[in-house]
Protein backbone atom coordinates (compact mmCIF):
# COMPACT_ATOMS: atom_id res chain seq x y z
CA GLU A 1 21.95 12.53 15.51
CA THR A 2 21.48 16.24 15.07
CA ALA A 3 25.08 16.85 14.08
CA GLU A 4 24.96 13.92 11.68
CA THR A 5 21.80 15.28 10.09
CA ALA A 6 23.31 18.71 9.56
CA THR A 7 26.43 17.23 8.01
CA THR A 8 24.39 15.04 5.70
CA VAL A 9 22.28 17.76 4.14
CA ALA A 10 24.82 20.59 4.00
CA PRO A 11 25.58 21.61 0.38
CA ALA A 12 28.99 21.20 -1.11
CA ALA A 13 31.09 24.33 -1.30
CA ALA A 14 30.87 24.36 -5.09
CA PRO A 15 28.20 21.88 -6.24
CA LYS A 16 28.35 20.67 -9.81
CA PRO A 17 25.47 21.72 -12.05
CA MET A 18 22.65 19.18 -12.12
CA ALA A 19 22.54 17.26 -15.38
CA ALA A 20 19.40 17.59 -17.50
CA LEU A 21 16.89 14.77 -17.31
CA GLY A 22 17.89 12.19 -19.86
CA GLU A 23 16.17 9.05 -21.05
CA THR A 24 13.88 7.42 -18.50
CA THR A 25 13.62 3.66 -18.03
CA ILE A 26 10.84 1.43 -16.72
CA ALA A 27 12.67 -1.07 -14.51
CA ASP A 28 10.07 -3.84 -14.49
CA ASP A 29 12.28 -6.90 -14.26
CA ALA A 30 14.38 -8.08 -11.33
CA ALA A 31 17.73 -8.06 -13.13
CA SER A 32 17.62 -4.52 -14.49
CA LEU A 33 16.04 -3.18 -11.28
CA SER A 34 18.85 -4.66 -9.19
CA GLU A 35 21.39 -2.84 -11.36
CA TRP A 36 19.52 0.46 -11.07
CA VAL A 37 19.21 0.18 -7.29
CA ALA A 38 22.93 -0.57 -6.97
CA LYS A 39 23.74 2.47 -9.11
CA ALA A 40 21.41 4.69 -7.07
CA MET A 41 22.95 3.55 -3.79
CA LYS A 42 26.34 4.79 -4.98
CA CYS A 43 24.99 8.33 -5.36
CA PRO A 44 25.22 10.90 -2.54
CA ALA A 45 21.57 11.83 -3.20
CA VAL A 46 18.69 10.76 -5.42
CA GLY A 47 15.33 12.35 -6.18
CA VAL A 48 12.22 10.29 -5.52
CA GLU A 49 8.57 10.64 -6.53
CA ILE A 50 6.03 8.05 -5.39
CA LEU A 51 2.79 7.97 -7.36
CA ALA A 52 -0.14 6.70 -5.32
CA ASP A 53 -3.90 6.51 -5.60
CA GLY A 54 -5.60 8.16 -2.64
CA ASP A 55 -5.13 11.39 -0.73
CA GLU A 56 -4.62 9.90 2.75
CA SER A 57 -1.16 8.53 3.47
CA MET A 58 -2.46 5.69 5.64
CA THR A 59 -4.74 4.33 2.92
CA ALA A 60 -3.05 5.43 -0.31
CA SER A 61 -2.01 2.67 -2.71
CA PRO A 62 1.39 3.13 -4.39
CA VAL A 63 1.33 2.80 -8.16
CA GLY A 64 5.00 3.36 -8.97
CA VAL A 65 8.18 5.14 -7.96
CA GLY A 66 10.38 7.44 -10.01
CA VAL A 67 14.05 7.68 -8.99
CA ALA A 68 16.37 10.32 -10.46
CA LEU A 69 20.16 10.24 -10.31
CA PRO A 70 22.52 13.25 -10.41
CA SER A 71 23.76 12.05 -13.81
CA GLY A 72 20.36 12.84 -15.34
CA GLU A 73 19.41 9.18 -15.55
CA ALA A 74 16.09 8.15 -14.07
CA PHE A 75 14.14 4.94 -13.67
CA TYR A 76 10.58 4.00 -12.75
CA VAL A 77 9.60 1.05 -10.59
CA PRO A 78 6.06 -0.39 -10.69
CA ALA A 79 4.47 -0.87 -7.26
CA SER A 80 4.61 -4.65 -7.67
CA LEU A 81 8.41 -4.40 -7.34
CA LEU A 82 8.43 -1.79 -4.57
CA ALA A 83 10.18 -4.15 -2.13
CA ALA A 84 13.27 -4.09 -4.35
CA LEU A 85 13.77 -0.43 -3.37
CA LYS A 86 14.02 -1.25 0.33
CA PRO A 87 17.87 -1.23 0.32
CA LEU A 88 17.85 2.24 -1.26
CA PHE A 89 15.27 3.73 1.11
CA GLU A 90 17.01 2.25 4.16
CA ASN A 91 20.51 3.13 2.97
CA THR A 92 22.25 5.48 5.43
CA THR A 93 24.60 7.09 2.90
CA THR A 94 22.25 8.18 0.10
CA THR A 95 20.01 11.17 0.81
CA ILE A 96 16.43 10.70 -0.39
CA VAL A 97 15.15 13.99 -1.83
CA ALA A 98 11.42 14.48 -2.35
CA GLY A 99 8.57 16.92 -1.95
CA ASP A 100 6.52 15.03 0.64
CA ILE A 101 8.77 12.84 2.78
CA LYS A 102 6.23 12.36 5.57
CA ARG A 103 3.64 10.91 3.18
CA TYR A 104 6.25 8.58 1.72
CA MET A 105 7.39 7.45 5.16
CA VAL A 106 3.86 6.48 6.16
CA MET A 107 3.12 4.65 2.91
CA LEU A 108 6.43 2.78 2.91
CA ARG A 109 6.26 1.75 6.56
CA ARG A 110 2.94 0.07 5.88
CA ARG A 111 4.87 -2.06 3.39
CA GLY A 112 7.79 -2.91 5.63
CA ILE A 113 10.19 -0.23 4.40
CA ALA A 114 11.67 2.21 6.92
CA LEU A 115 12.62 5.44 5.17
CA ALA A 116 14.73 7.39 7.65
CA MET A 117 17.62 9.86 7.69
CA PRO A 118 19.27 11.01 5.55
CA TYR A 119 16.44 12.69 3.66
CA PHE A 120 15.63 16.17 2.35
CA ASP A 121 12.11 17.55 1.91
CA THR A 122 11.92 20.33 -0.67
CA ALA A 123 8.51 21.50 0.55
CA VAL A 124 9.75 21.90 4.11
CA ALA A 125 12.82 23.78 2.90
CA HIS A 126 10.78 26.08 0.69
CA TYR A 127 8.34 26.76 3.55
CA LEU A 128 11.19 28.20 5.61
CA LEU A 129 11.98 30.61 2.80
CA GLN A 130 8.47 31.56 1.72
CA PRO A 131 5.85 30.32 4.21
CA GLU A 132 3.06 32.24 2.50
CA ARG A 133 3.54 30.44 -0.85
CA LEU A 134 2.47 27.02 -2.11
CA HIS A 135 5.20 24.39 -1.85
CA ASP A 136 4.45 21.74 -4.46
CA THR A 137 7.33 20.57 -6.61
CA ALA A 138 5.96 21.93 -9.90
CA ARG A 139 5.58 25.47 -8.53
CA ILE A 140 8.92 25.52 -6.71
CA GLY A 141 10.72 24.11 -9.74
CA ALA A 142 9.22 26.71 -12.07
CA GLU A 143 10.05 29.51 -9.64
CA LEU A 144 13.59 28.61 -8.67
CA ILE A 145 15.10 26.62 -11.54
CA GLY A 146 12.74 27.21 -14.46
CA THR A 147 11.61 23.60 -14.88
CA GLU A 148 8.30 22.76 -16.50
CA CYS A 149 6.62 19.93 -14.63
CA GLU A 150 3.17 18.89 -15.75
CA THR A 151 0.78 19.62 -12.90
CA ILE A 152 -1.28 16.86 -11.32
CA GLU A 153 -4.39 18.70 -12.53
CA SER A 154 -3.11 18.53 -16.09
CA PHE A 155 -2.00 14.90 -15.76
CA LEU A 156 -5.06 13.48 -13.97
CA GLY A 157 -7.66 16.16 -14.50
CA PRO A 158 -9.29 18.63 -12.09
CA LYS A 159 -10.30 17.52 -8.62
CA GLY A 160 -13.65 15.78 -8.49
CA LYS A 161 -15.29 12.45 -9.21
CA ASN A 162 -14.08 12.43 -12.81
CA ARG A 163 -10.39 12.83 -11.97
CA LEU A 164 -8.30 9.90 -13.18
CA ARG A 165 -6.18 7.80 -10.86
CA PHE A 166 -2.45 7.23 -11.38
CA SER A 167 -3.23 3.54 -11.86
CA GLN A 168 -5.34 4.45 -14.89
CA LYS A 169 -2.40 6.02 -16.71
CA SER A 170 -0.06 4.02 -18.92
CA ALA A 171 3.24 2.87 -17.48
CA ALA A 172 5.07 5.09 -19.98
CA ASP A 173 3.12 8.19 -18.94
CA ALA A 174 3.52 7.39 -15.23
CA CYS A 175 7.24 6.87 -15.74
CA ARG A 176 7.67 10.21 -17.48
CA PHE A 177 5.63 12.07 -14.86
CA ALA A 178 7.30 10.48 -11.81
CA CYS A 179 10.83 10.76 -13.17
CA THR A 180 10.34 14.42 -14.10
CA TYR A 181 9.20 15.24 -10.57
CA ALA A 182 11.99 13.17 -9.01
CA HIS A 183 14.59 14.93 -11.16
CA THR A 184 13.16 18.36 -10.29
CA SER A 185 13.22 17.57 -6.56
CA LEU A 186 16.86 16.54 -6.77
CA ALA A 187 17.78 19.65 -8.76
CA LEU A 188 16.07 21.85 -6.17
CA ARG A 189 18.03 20.53 -3.20
CA ASP A 190 21.25 22.50 -3.62
CA VAL A 191 19.37 25.62 -4.74
CA LEU A 192 17.20 25.57 -1.63
CA LEU A 193 20.16 24.88 0.63
CA ARG A 194 22.09 27.82 -0.76
CA LEU A 195 19.10 30.12 -0.27
CA ILE A 196 18.59 28.87 3.26
CA ALA A 197 22.28 29.35 4.01
CA GLN A 198 22.00 32.95 2.82
CA GLU A 199 19.24 33.47 5.40
CA ASN A 200 21.40 31.87 8.11
CA ILE A 201 18.73 29.31 8.98
CA ILE A 202 20.47 26.05 8.10
CA PRO A 203 20.30 24.89 11.77
CA LEU A 204 16.54 25.51 11.79
CA LEU A 205 16.20 23.22 8.80
CA THR A 206 18.63 20.47 9.79
CA ASP A 207 18.18 20.42 13.57
CA ILE A 208 14.45 21.04 13.87
CA GLU A 209 12.32 20.96 10.73
CA LEU A 210 13.71 17.90 8.94
CA PRO A 211 13.89 15.69 12.06
CA LEU A 212 10.33 16.80 12.87
CA VAL A 213 9.12 15.17 9.64
CA GLU A 214 9.96 11.73 11.02
CA VAL A 215 8.33 12.55 14.35
CA LEU A 216 5.12 13.56 12.59
CA ALA A 217 5.19 10.40 10.50
CA ASP A 218 5.50 8.36 13.71
CA MET A 219 2.47 10.14 15.14
CA GLU A 220 0.44 9.51 12.01
């Protein structure tokens, strides 16, 4: 399993530049969603951002899922159709790239979806490079690839009783937000892997830290 994990996440020798985020689509009908899922499953990796109301993984309620493809295409799936993403999340050939894999694992398992390897957590990877820094997708993206993600504070408001919930935002706004984060996560993967390779700590990432995410999700 360890060797397979390392092979799965290792960057290509000369990765192609990530395409810019193009038009985003709300896949809210079974026919179009089936086509999007099939297209995503043909990709070596996809970026994912799950929007959910609630801070605790065990009790959070998914609102929707943004999925970004290497082509720059991205689609958003309302929580009511979350089950349609099960083949993608349980696919053993497409790497799921996100900024909080453990949280997603816990939320999805409660809904009968087993997200497992191959996956890549950008926050875990960034922690190995700069443990003293914050590791949220917006900050890492701005620092390493110059992306401009709207912060959660800007999107929902400052923390406190008056903060909005994702479920209170329009589907169009949620789609844009989730797909932007998913695209940024995917774009960060090769950048982080190259930086980690320069530090000669790829085995630490692939053999210890990434597998540990699943162990921690099991414990939670």
